[in-house]
Amino acid sequence: MIVSSDERFCLYNTGEGDLLIFSKASGQLYAFDAFGVTLFSFLSEGGSKETLLQTFEDNDDVIAVIHTVSHLFEGREEIKHTTDMHILTLDYPSTSLHTTYTQPFHYRLGFFIFAIDTNNRLSIEEILVAFHHLACILKVDEKVALYIDFITKDDRYTIRFNGKIIHEPLELDALLPRVLDLIRIAYYKDNEYLISLHAGALYFKKKLLLLPAVSGSGKSTLCAYLMHQGFEFLSDEVAMINKDSHICPIPLALAIKEGSWEALENNKILFNDLRAHKRFDGQRLRYLAPANYAKEDLKVEGAYLIFPRYIAREPTSIDSITTLEALSLIITAGYEVIDSYDEKSIREWIGIVETFQKYTITYSDMDDARQTIEKLMEE
């Protein structure tokens, strides 16, 4: 709920002793615990920053919070809405302008239909195994939103969307990761959402599970394991949430990093695609097509935000967290908003997070983690 609002700030009380501050100047959201609230109150009432710095001069952590709070009042904020989740802007023409395609393969993501035209090149057809679960037969009255084809020259591939070149030439082993990223972004453009999280999303016994996490936390590996243990898959890289707290499924193939291949295969989870692909940062990936994915119009009777962290040889532990802690972890994991922040969208976002049950889980054994999560969601 809003505590107060003036020309500079809008303050929200989470009801847990914490404070969220929305800066109207930068559109930035700040989360402060009880100590941060005390600092904010001190400065807002005319207290001296220098006095605080002198009082806590030997405590670097406190000094950092003092600078963050004081920058709000001084108009020197560092504007940063996202972390490691970067959404590109795509610009491509309407499909109605392009009709010179051969016999493309059609795929469906909810209402979004796209087609991939390989021009009968076997090298490109090899990557289509990552899309087989989305294959569809186009109905008479349905329209394709996106045609994807390729210009091939000197063993390099240039991606086109509806006839427009949108990416520089790539080697074959880098092609699939980029195509999947671009399809995901195109799907964004056709959806209305409040916020998208860098998170895995699954559905279990009429309950929604979101697993937001930074890269390297084991999120995708855990998603893959849970999916093969009966959870219905919704998405891996991106969880798009609309203003009604509904999630838009994006069941594209899961990208599994090289360090997790053996762990999944040891659990009898086999990859459809034997080829190793290379991400833009050099990371080697293999793609796992969802074997059990949820459809649209889910009936949700409960929702959970669980922030996973894999630590080798660490026993499984799960802990409840506050709304403030959850928002801080979401910001760290990465997120995007469809438009710039305003008071209304911030209030809606906070309200959605408050409706979730919120936890962190640390684990080294995936089946222990599964049992812990299932027990929690069945209570």
Foldseek 3Di string as FASTA:
>chain_A
DWPDDDPFWTWDDQVPQWIWIQGPVQLDIDTGHNVLVVLLVCVVVPHDLVVVCVVPVPPPVVNVSSVQSVCSVVVNHDRDQWDPDDADDDDDDFLVVDDPADDWWWFDQALAIETEGEVPDVLVVLLCLQGVVGTDDDDPPHDHGWYWYWDDDPQWTFIDISRHTDDDTHHSLAPNVVVLSVVVSVVVVVDAFFKKFQWWWWADPQAIETAFEAPPQCRLVLLLVVLVVPIAGFDHGIWTAHLVRDTRRDQGWGKDFPVCPVVCVVVVQDAPRPDWHAHPVRTITGTHRRPGHDHPDGRHPAYAYEHEGEDAPDAKDKDWDGLSVVVVRRRVRTMDGPDRHDPVSVVSVSVSSSRHGYMYIYHHDSVNVSVVVVVVVVD
